[in-house]
Each structure stands twice: as structure tokens, then as C-alpha cells.
Amino acid sequence: MASSETARLINRSVVLDAIRTNQPISRADLARQTGLQRSTISLIVDQLIEERWVAEGDVGQLPRGRKPRLLYLNMDRAGIVGINIMPHVTKLALADLSVRFTTQESMPTLPNPKVFLEALCARVQNLLSAHREITYEGIGVSLPGRVDYLGQRLVFAANLGWRQIDIKGPLERATGLPVQLENAANACALSEVWSGPHEGLRDLIAVTVSEGIGTGIIANGQLVRGANGAAGEFGHVCLDEQGPPCNCGSRGCWEVLASNAAAVRNYTCGISENSGKRNASGRRELATSFADILSLADRGDLKAQETLDAMAHYLGLGIAMLVNGLSPSVIVIIGEVTRAWKRVGPIVEQVVKERARMDAGTRIVPTDDTMQPRLRGTIALVLQKHFRPRLFA
């Protein structure tokens, strides 16, 4: 049974989120929008103003009666630290309450987790020291692997080679701030329904395509976590039992067929002496990264284009599985592959059309990779505790 304290916290989050999404807004309009009594609104707003979450601004205009003071979020009140850990690079950012980045940095992701965490803690301490004027609410961390949500611990990151790593503890001891960990795909899903173009959508799947493939699932307004927080590992569903070995120990997983790393491997292994783009000196150009494949494909390299076509085919197979199994309103594709969506998208759509239920009505939408959904998701991890415990508890 819910306690009075639970009801108070829910009402507080309702009011705070209504201010965030409708600012500037009056107390009377808040009452109409939320359905709460005006006396309740006044108590909550007074507390939010005292805590400097909310500020009063200009006087609103009414044809008669007392003119209301408009409310808005106090953007100077708080800052959030976002950390997106990827296999080769880790990005750090400071953001305000509107998820606007004010500072961004990057550092290499070192293979030794102990050495890396020492460097990361030092980097975050320096970042905080350089911006002492900010009141920090917490740190959100996005990880490319399985996260024990309840224990807040990295269980396994295949593309990092890390197992059972405590990231939360060292960061909290170094900064004195609360730290929230989340799988990268889940963070991306949060970013889409928190501050992205699909804000408020109740059924959405975020598919992250990088060195691996991850899926973050929002179903009926809830982030799907499963019994131990490991739900959504569709990247390790086997699509081909005779396929290449995967870092997870299986073979032919979706990510070993359709990820960036798979594309680089396919391009490199499939190149012959007579194929591939040649530079001005007549030497063949080789791809050492997915960005190289995108560049080569743009310049007419047939092998790079064939590699992208094969990647698109396998992406379509996995997405068809998601459509058939979960029937979301939208599937959002996140990653560098979206830069080649004019080529990749039609192939994905065709495979899904052939393999998935025709009545699902799911839209497949590429994101703008420059919007940095993983980093935005780390900020949402911290903010959602204040704004939307109803939706993402």
C-alpha cells in the first residue's frame, strides 16, 4: 500500500515535470493541468522555490483579477554529470536541467578497468573543480554491457572484456555525488522519451549500433529491465548458428553480424587484391574503422557499399524480430550507421516488410548521431528521479 510520503513524492514529481514541459506556467494552470488542488499546488511550489528548483518570473496577463506570477525551472540551480563509456573513447559532459550540454570532454577508455577508473575519477574531479559555481545533482553513467540495476554494478561488457566491475563506488567516493549506472541502450531509450523527438511516447525501442548491438525497451511507459536488469539483450540472440563466434561465447549473434565491428571484419576479410578503392598512388585503401567504411562507400568503393548492404540486411532481420515480438510504435536506430541511412534504410525497411507482421505499424526512425543520445540518456538517468518516478521507477 502506498504511504502518504509516496503520494507526496509522486505529486511533487507531477508538478515539477508539468513546469518543465509547460514553462512558464502559473499556479492556476498547474492545478488545471495536473488535477491537483490549488492548496496542494501552492505547498509544492513553495517548497520547490525554497529548494531553488523553481523560480518565479514575469507576471502573466489576464483580462481581470489578480495577475499570476509565472513559474519556470531554475536553470542556474543544478548541474548533472554525464559519462558515456565506450570501448575506445569515454565522453564526459555537464548539463543543466533542460539537458543542454554546457561542457564536453573526452578521454581514452583504457583496457585495464582499475587503471581506467582511477583516470576517470581524476578527470571528473577536475571537471567539478573547474565549475564550482554549480550545485551538482548526481552522475549518470552509460555502459556498453549488462548492468545489475538493483546492485548498480557492471556485470559483463563483452566489447570491453570487463566482468563484475564496481564503477559506482569509486566515482561516489571520489566526488561525493550519487551515481546511477545504466546499459547504453536503456539510456538511449530514456533520452528519446525524456527530451528527444519522441518525448512522452509509451512504446519505443532504441537500437544502438556500435561495436555491438543493444536494445533499450520502453513498453507501456515503463523501461523493461527483467528480473535482474538484463532484459533487452537482443544483440546476443543467435541469427545464424554457423555464424562467426561472438565475444559472449555463442556464435552468429545479431551483433556479430550487423554491428560496426562486424562490418569492419567483413570488409577486411572480404577484400581481394583487385577490389577496394585505390588512392592516388595506386595503393588499395583499407578500412580500420567503421568511419573508414562510410567514407569509402561515399567515394564509390564497391566493397564498402556491399559491406553496408550486408549490414543493412542483418539489421533488418533483427529489427523484424523486435517488431514481431514486441510491436512497438517506433524503433529508433542510434549510431554511425544512420549517416548512411539513404543506402541502409531502404534495405532495412524491405527486409522488415518481408519478415515482420504487416499490421504492426512500427516506424523505423534513424536518429541524428550528433545529438549524442547516449550522453543525453545519462543526464535523464539523474533527472528522472526528480521528475518522473511514476514512469521509470
Protein backbone atom coordinates (compact mmCIF):
# COMPACT_ATOMS: atom_id res chain seq x y z
CA MET A 1 0.00 0.00 0.00
CA ALA A 2 1.34 3.44 -0.92
CA SER A 3 2.23 5.69 2.02
CA SER A 4 1.43 9.38 2.32
CA GLU A 5 5.12 10.08 1.67
CA THR A 6 4.94 8.14 -1.60
CA ALA A 7 1.90 10.18 -2.65
CA ARG A 8 3.71 13.41 -1.74
CA LEU A 9 6.75 12.46 -3.83
CA ILE A 10 4.58 11.50 -6.78
CA ASN A 11 2.66 14.79 -6.59
CA ARG A 12 5.95 16.67 -6.39
CA SER A 13 7.27 14.92 -9.50
CA VAL A 14 4.00 15.59 -11.34
CA VAL A 15 4.23 19.32 -10.59
CA LEU A 16 7.93 19.55 -11.38
CA ASP A 17 7.51 17.77 -14.70
CA ALA A 18 4.50 19.91 -15.61
CA ILE A 19 6.59 23.03 -15.01
CA ARG A 20 9.43 21.57 -17.09
CA THR A 21 7.23 20.76 -20.07
CA ASN A 22 4.99 23.86 -19.97
CA GLN A 23 7.16 26.65 -18.60
CA PRO A 24 6.43 29.44 -17.99
CA ILE A 25 3.19 28.42 -16.27
CA SER A 26 1.01 29.83 -13.49
CA ARG A 27 -0.09 28.05 -10.33
CA ALA A 28 -3.68 28.05 -11.56
CA ASP A 29 -2.70 26.44 -14.85
CA LEU A 30 -0.64 23.88 -12.95
CA ALA A 31 -3.72 22.91 -10.94
CA ARG A 32 -5.79 22.55 -14.11
CA GLN A 33 -3.07 20.59 -15.89
CA THR A 34 -2.27 18.16 -13.06
CA GLY A 35 -5.71 17.80 -11.49
CA LEU A 36 -4.29 18.62 -8.05
CA GLN A 37 -5.99 21.00 -5.65
CA ARG A 38 -4.73 24.59 -5.63
CA SER A 39 -3.74 24.30 -1.97
CA THR A 40 -1.60 21.25 -2.82
CA ILE A 41 -0.03 23.10 -5.75
CA SER A 42 0.82 26.06 -3.53
CA LEU A 43 2.51 23.88 -0.91
CA ILE A 44 4.57 22.00 -3.51
CA VAL A 45 5.53 25.12 -5.47
CA ASP A 46 6.58 26.97 -2.31
CA GLN A 47 8.83 24.04 -1.40
CA LEU A 48 10.31 23.87 -4.92
CA ILE A 49 11.03 27.60 -4.83
CA GLU A 50 12.67 27.27 -1.38
CA GLU A 51 14.85 24.43 -2.71
CA ARG A 52 15.66 26.57 -5.80
CA TRP A 53 14.31 24.01 -8.26
CA VAL A 54 11.75 26.57 -9.46
CA ALA A 55 11.86 30.35 -9.82
CA GLU A 56 9.15 32.98 -10.30
CA GLY A 57 9.33 35.11 -13.39
CA ASP A 58 7.19 37.66 -15.19
CA VAL A 59 3.62 38.49 -14.28
CA GLY A 60 1.09 36.79 -16.55
CA GLN A 61 -1.65 38.65 -18.36
CA LEU A 62 -5.33 38.11 -17.50
CA PRO A 63 -8.37 40.17 -18.59
CA ARG A 64 -9.44 40.62 -14.95
CA GLY A 65 -8.48 39.69 -11.42
CA ARG A 66 -5.08 39.24 -9.82
CA LYS A 67 -2.29 38.74 -12.33
CA PRO A 68 -0.37 35.46 -11.71
CA ARG A 69 3.38 35.06 -11.32
CA LEU A 70 4.71 32.60 -13.90
CA LEU A 71 6.90 29.68 -12.86
CA TYR A 72 9.87 28.14 -14.63
CA LEU A 73 12.77 25.82 -13.85
CA ASN A 74 15.76 27.49 -12.25
CA MET A 75 18.43 26.60 -14.80
CA ASP A 76 21.16 28.03 -12.58
CA ARG A 77 20.28 25.69 -9.73
CA ALA A 78 21.72 22.35 -10.71
CA GLY A 79 24.10 20.55 -12.96
CA ILE A 80 24.37 16.89 -13.90
CA VAL A 81 27.49 15.00 -14.93
CA GLY A 82 27.03 12.53 -17.79
CA ILE A 83 29.59 9.82 -18.61
CA ASN A 84 29.31 7.61 -21.70
CA ILE A 85 31.83 4.75 -21.61
CA MET A 86 32.51 3.08 -24.98
CA PRO A 87 35.19 0.56 -25.98
CA HIS A 88 37.67 3.12 -27.33
CA VAL A 89 36.61 6.51 -26.01
CA THR A 90 34.74 7.82 -22.98
CA LYS A 91 32.82 11.09 -23.19
CA LEU A 92 32.01 13.36 -20.27
CA ALA A 93 29.56 16.25 -20.16
CA LEU A 94 27.96 18.77 -17.83
CA ALA A 95 24.32 19.57 -18.48
CA ASP A 96 21.63 21.78 -16.97
CA LEU A 97 18.04 20.88 -16.09
CA SER A 98 16.94 21.23 -19.71
CA VAL A 99 19.52 18.62 -20.80
CA ARG A 100 21.57 21.32 -22.50
CA PHE A 101 25.28 20.47 -22.54
CA THR A 102 27.43 23.26 -21.14
CA THR A 103 30.79 21.43 -21.20
CA GLN A 104 32.02 18.32 -23.01
CA GLU A 105 35.28 16.37 -22.82
CA SER A 106 36.59 13.00 -23.93
CA MET A 107 39.29 10.58 -22.81
CA PRO A 108 40.54 7.17 -23.97
CA THR A 109 38.87 4.08 -22.50
CA LEU A 110 41.84 2.16 -21.15
CA PRO A 111 41.64 -1.66 -21.33
CA ASN A 112 42.54 -2.17 -17.65
CA PRO A 113 39.39 -1.25 -15.67
CA LYS A 114 41.27 -0.37 -12.47
CA VAL A 115 43.65 2.00 -14.25
CA PHE A 116 40.79 3.46 -16.27
CA LEU A 117 38.63 4.13 -13.19
CA GLU A 118 41.50 5.93 -11.48
CA ALA A 119 41.92 8.16 -14.55
CA LEU A 120 38.16 8.68 -14.86
CA CYS A 121 37.75 9.69 -11.21
CA ALA A 122 40.59 12.20 -11.54
CA ARG A 123 39.06 13.60 -14.72
CA VAL A 124 35.62 14.03 -13.10
CA GLN A 125 37.16 15.68 -10.03
CA ASN A 126 38.93 18.19 -12.29
CA LEU A 127 35.69 18.84 -14.16
CA LEU A 128 33.81 19.56 -10.95
CA SER A 129 36.59 21.77 -9.63
CA ALA A 130 36.53 23.85 -12.80
CA HIS A 131 32.83 24.60 -12.28
CA ARG A 132 32.45 25.17 -8.55
CA GLU A 133 29.56 27.60 -9.07
CA ILE A 134 27.23 24.71 -9.96
CA THR A 135 25.22 22.64 -7.49
CA TYR A 136 25.53 19.06 -8.74
CA GLU A 137 22.61 16.64 -8.52
CA GLY A 138 24.48 13.49 -9.48
CA ILE A 139 26.33 11.50 -12.11
CA GLY A 140 24.78 9.30 -14.80
CA VAL A 141 26.90 6.61 -16.46
CA SER A 142 26.12 4.76 -19.69
CA LEU A 143 27.83 1.38 -20.21
CA PRO A 144 28.14 -0.94 -23.24
CA GLY A 145 27.10 -4.11 -21.44
CA ARG A 146 24.90 -5.79 -18.85
CA VAL A 147 24.23 -3.78 -15.70
CA ASP A 148 22.85 -5.17 -12.47
CA TYR A 149 20.30 -2.40 -11.95
CA LEU A 150 19.50 -3.20 -8.32
CA GLY A 151 23.13 -3.75 -7.32
CA GLN A 152 24.30 -0.92 -9.62
CA ARG A 153 27.27 -2.88 -10.91
CA LEU A 154 28.61 -3.71 -14.36
CA VAL A 155 28.06 -7.44 -14.83
CA PHE A 156 29.67 -8.01 -18.22
CA ALA A 157 30.76 -5.86 -21.14
CA ALA A 158 31.79 -8.19 -23.97
CA ASN A 159 33.39 -5.50 -26.11
CA LEU A 160 35.40 -4.17 -23.17
CA GLY A 161 36.33 -7.57 -21.77
CA TRP A 162 35.21 -6.40 -18.30
CA ARG A 163 33.33 -8.56 -15.79
CA GLN A 164 31.88 -7.67 -12.37
CA ILE A 165 33.31 -4.15 -12.16
CA ASP A 166 32.29 -1.65 -9.48
CA ILE A 167 32.14 1.73 -11.21
CA LYS A 168 29.63 3.38 -8.89
CA GLY A 169 31.70 3.03 -5.69
CA PRO A 170 34.94 4.67 -6.88
CA LEU A 171 33.07 7.56 -8.54
CA GLU A 172 30.93 8.23 -5.46
CA ARG A 173 33.96 8.15 -3.15
CA ALA A 174 35.88 10.49 -5.46
CA THR A 175 33.09 13.04 -5.92
CA GLY A 176 30.65 12.66 -3.02
CA LEU A 177 27.82 12.58 -5.57
CA PRO A 178 25.21 9.85 -6.14
CA VAL A 179 25.96 7.77 -9.25
CA GLN A 180 23.40 5.98 -11.44
CA LEU A 181 24.55 3.26 -13.89
CA GLU A 182 22.61 2.08 -16.92
CA ASN A 183 23.08 0.00 -20.03
CA ALA A 184 23.76 2.24 -23.04
CA ALA A 185 20.68 1.14 -24.98
CA ASN A 186 18.43 1.76 -21.97
CA ALA A 187 19.99 5.19 -21.55
CA CYS A 188 19.26 5.93 -25.22
CA ALA A 189 15.65 4.83 -24.82
CA LEU A 190 15.32 7.15 -21.82
CA SER A 191 16.83 10.03 -23.80
CA GLU A 192 14.29 9.56 -26.59
CA VAL A 193 11.22 9.68 -24.34
CA TRP A 194 12.69 12.22 -21.94
CA SER A 195 13.90 15.06 -24.14
CA GLY A 196 14.05 13.70 -27.68
CA PRO A 197 11.60 13.94 -30.57
CA HIS A 198 9.58 11.07 -29.09
CA GLU A 199 9.10 12.68 -25.70
CA GLY A 200 6.26 11.05 -23.77
CA LEU A 201 5.89 8.06 -26.12
CA ARG A 202 4.89 4.92 -24.20
CA ASP A 203 6.10 2.20 -26.61
CA LEU A 204 9.55 2.56 -28.13
CA ILE A 205 12.69 0.52 -28.73
CA ALA A 206 16.12 2.12 -29.07
CA VAL A 207 18.59 0.03 -31.08
CA THR A 208 22.20 1.11 -30.56
CA VAL A 209 24.60 0.05 -33.31
CA SER A 210 28.30 0.42 -32.49
CA GLU A 211 30.94 -2.21 -31.68
CA GLY A 212 27.95 -4.29 -30.55
CA ILE A 213 24.18 -4.01 -30.72
CA GLY A 214 21.97 -3.12 -27.77
CA THR A 215 18.23 -2.65 -27.34
CA GLY A 216 16.50 -0.44 -24.79
CA ILE A 217 12.78 -1.11 -24.50
CA ILE A 218 10.03 1.23 -23.27
CA ALA A 219 6.74 -0.73 -23.04
CA ASN A 220 3.53 0.78 -21.68
CA GLY A 221 5.52 3.71 -20.33
CA GLN A 222 7.99 1.54 -18.40
CA LEU A 223 11.63 0.76 -19.06
CA VAL A 224 11.77 -3.03 -19.36
CA ARG A 225 14.52 -4.39 -17.10
CA GLY A 226 13.60 -8.01 -16.38
CA ALA A 227 14.18 -9.84 -13.10
CA ASN A 228 17.85 -8.83 -12.79
CA GLY A 229 18.06 -5.78 -15.03
CA ALA A 230 19.43 -7.73 -18.01
CA ALA A 231 16.33 -7.60 -20.23
CA GLY A 232 16.76 -6.48 -23.83
CA GLU A 233 19.95 -8.35 -24.75
CA PHE A 234 18.69 -8.97 -28.29
CA GLY A 235 22.17 -8.26 -29.62
CA HIS A 236 23.11 -11.72 -28.37
CA VAL A 237 20.18 -13.57 -29.91
CA CYS A 238 21.54 -16.10 -32.41
CA LEU A 239 20.53 -15.44 -36.03
CA ASP A 240 22.94 -17.94 -37.60
CA GLU A 241 24.22 -20.99 -35.70
CA GLN A 242 27.06 -21.35 -38.21
CA GLY A 243 27.96 -17.67 -37.99
CA PRO A 244 31.14 -16.06 -36.61
CA PRO A 245 31.98 -16.50 -32.92
CA CYS A 246 30.80 -13.76 -30.58
CA ASN A 247 32.58 -12.34 -27.54
CA CYS A 248 29.69 -13.62 -25.41
CA GLY A 249 30.74 -17.22 -26.18
CA SER A 250 27.99 -18.01 -28.68
CA ARG A 251 28.03 -17.91 -32.48
CA GLY A 252 26.10 -15.95 -35.08
CA CYS A 253 24.65 -13.38 -32.64
CA TRP A 254 22.83 -10.41 -34.12
CA GLU A 255 25.68 -8.06 -33.14
CA VAL A 256 28.38 -10.24 -34.68
CA LEU A 257 26.52 -9.97 -37.99
CA ALA A 258 25.22 -6.38 -38.02
CA SER A 259 27.44 -4.22 -35.78
CA ASN A 260 30.14 -1.75 -36.78
CA ALA A 261 32.79 -4.27 -35.75
CA ALA A 262 31.13 -6.91 -37.94
CA ALA A 263 31.18 -4.53 -40.90
CA VAL A 264 34.90 -3.78 -40.46
CA ARG A 265 35.65 -7.51 -40.18
CA ASN A 266 33.58 -8.33 -43.26
CA TYR A 267 35.20 -5.60 -45.31
CA THR A 268 38.74 -6.57 -44.27
CA CYS A 269 38.28 -10.31 -44.68
CA GLY A 270 36.45 -9.99 -47.97
CA ILE A 271 38.87 -7.66 -49.70
CA SER A 272 40.96 -9.03 -52.54
CA GLU A 273 43.93 -7.72 -54.50
CA ASN A 274 41.63 -6.48 -57.26
CA SER A 275 38.89 -4.97 -55.09
CA GLY A 276 38.69 -1.90 -52.92
CA LYS A 277 39.31 1.76 -53.63
CA ARG A 278 42.82 2.80 -54.67
CA ASN A 279 44.37 6.11 -53.69
CA ALA A 280 46.36 8.48 -55.92
CA SER A 281 49.50 6.35 -55.59
CA GLY A 282 47.65 3.24 -56.77
CA ARG A 283 47.61 1.51 -53.38
CA ARG A 284 44.45 -0.08 -52.07
CA GLU A 285 42.71 1.83 -49.26
CA LEU A 286 41.85 -0.37 -46.27
CA ALA A 287 39.24 0.19 -43.59
CA THR A 288 40.39 0.09 -39.98
CA SER A 289 37.22 1.63 -38.58
CA PHE A 290 33.54 1.88 -39.45
CA ALA A 291 34.05 5.56 -40.26
CA ASP A 292 36.52 4.42 -42.94
CA ILE A 293 33.85 2.17 -44.48
CA LEU A 294 31.36 5.04 -44.57
CA SER A 295 33.93 7.29 -46.21
CA LEU A 296 34.96 4.65 -48.76
CA ALA A 297 31.33 3.91 -49.63
CA ASP A 298 30.70 7.62 -50.23
CA ARG A 299 33.67 7.66 -52.62
CA GLY A 300 32.37 4.74 -54.66
CA ASP A 301 34.22 1.80 -53.15
CA LEU A 302 32.09 -1.18 -54.25
CA LYS A 303 33.30 -3.45 -51.46
CA ALA A 304 32.42 -0.85 -48.82
CA GLN A 305 28.98 -0.44 -50.37
CA GLU A 306 28.46 -4.21 -50.43
CA THR A 307 29.52 -4.34 -46.77
CA LEU A 308 26.92 -1.72 -45.83
CA ASP A 309 24.27 -3.63 -47.81
CA ALA A 310 25.04 -6.83 -45.91
CA MET A 311 24.98 -4.95 -42.61
CA ALA A 312 21.59 -3.48 -43.54
CA HIS A 313 20.23 -6.94 -44.33
CA TYR A 314 21.16 -8.31 -40.91
CA LEU A 315 19.93 -5.17 -39.18
CA GLY A 316 16.60 -5.75 -40.89
CA LEU A 317 16.46 -9.38 -39.69
CA GLY A 318 16.98 -8.32 -36.08
CA ILE A 319 14.53 -5.44 -36.30
CA ALA A 320 11.90 -7.75 -37.79
CA MET A 321 12.35 -9.94 -34.71
CA LEU A 322 11.65 -6.91 -32.49
CA VAL A 323 8.58 -5.94 -34.48
CA ASN A 324 7.16 -9.47 -34.34
CA GLY A 325 7.90 -9.93 -30.66
CA LEU A 326 7.11 -6.52 -29.17
CA SER A 327 5.22 -4.47 -31.79
CA PRO A 328 6.45 -1.04 -30.62
CA SER A 329 5.18 2.23 -32.06
CA VAL A 330 8.70 3.32 -33.00
CA ILE A 331 12.11 1.68 -33.32
CA VAL A 332 14.88 4.27 -33.13
CA ILE A 333 18.25 3.44 -34.71
CA ILE A 334 21.25 5.06 -33.00
CA GLY A 335 24.83 5.05 -34.23
CA GLU A 336 27.16 6.00 -37.07
CA VAL A 337 25.21 3.79 -39.47
CA THR A 338 22.49 6.45 -39.58
CA ARG A 339 24.89 8.62 -41.59
CA ALA A 340 24.42 6.15 -44.45
CA TRP A 341 20.67 5.74 -43.95
CA LYS A 342 19.84 6.73 -47.53
CA ARG A 343 21.53 3.50 -48.57
CA VAL A 344 20.93 1.35 -45.49
CA GLY A 345 17.37 2.41 -44.65
CA PRO A 346 15.57 1.08 -47.75
CA ILE A 347 17.24 -2.34 -47.34
CA VAL A 348 16.25 -2.49 -43.67
CA GLU A 349 12.68 -1.49 -44.49
CA GLN A 350 12.43 -4.13 -47.23
CA VAL A 351 13.73 -6.94 -45.00
CA VAL A 352 11.34 -5.93 -42.22
CA LYS A 353 8.48 -5.81 -44.71
CA GLU A 354 9.28 -9.36 -45.82
CA ARG A 355 9.89 -10.84 -42.35
CA ALA A 356 7.61 -8.96 -39.93
CA ARG A 357 3.86 -8.73 -39.40
CA MET A 358 2.39 -6.22 -41.81
CA ASP A 359 -0.18 -4.89 -39.32
CA ALA A 360 2.31 -3.86 -36.61
CA GLY A 361 2.54 -0.27 -37.84
CA THR A 362 6.02 0.17 -36.38
CA ARG A 363 8.00 3.13 -37.68
CA ILE A 364 11.78 2.72 -38.07
CA VAL A 365 13.49 6.06 -37.47
CA PRO A 366 17.22 6.92 -37.60
CA THR A 367 18.45 9.45 -35.05
CA ASP A 368 20.80 12.33 -35.65
CA ASP A 369 24.07 10.93 -34.32
CA THR A 370 25.27 14.45 -33.49
CA MET A 371 22.54 14.70 -30.84
CA GLN A 372 24.55 12.25 -28.69
CA PRO A 373 21.63 10.21 -27.33
CA ARG A 374 23.86 8.14 -25.03
CA LEU A 375 25.09 11.26 -23.24
CA ARG A 376 21.59 12.73 -23.13
CA GLY A 377 20.44 9.46 -21.61
CA THR A 378 22.98 9.71 -18.79
CA ILE A 379 21.53 13.10 -17.86
CA ALA A 380 17.99 11.67 -17.94
CA LEU A 381 19.10 8.93 -15.53
CA VAL A 382 19.66 11.57 -12.85
CA LEU A 383 16.77 13.89 -13.69
CA GLN A 384 14.11 11.18 -13.91
CA LYS A 385 14.38 10.53 -10.16
CA HIS A 386 13.08 14.06 -9.55
CA PHE A 387 10.70 14.44 -12.48
CA ARG A 388 9.26 11.07 -13.38
CA PRO A 389 9.41 8.36 -10.71
CA ARG A 390 5.95 7.28 -11.91
CA LEU A 391 7.23 6.40 -15.35
CA PHE A 392 10.69 4.99 -14.76
CA ALA A 393 10.67 3.68 -11.20
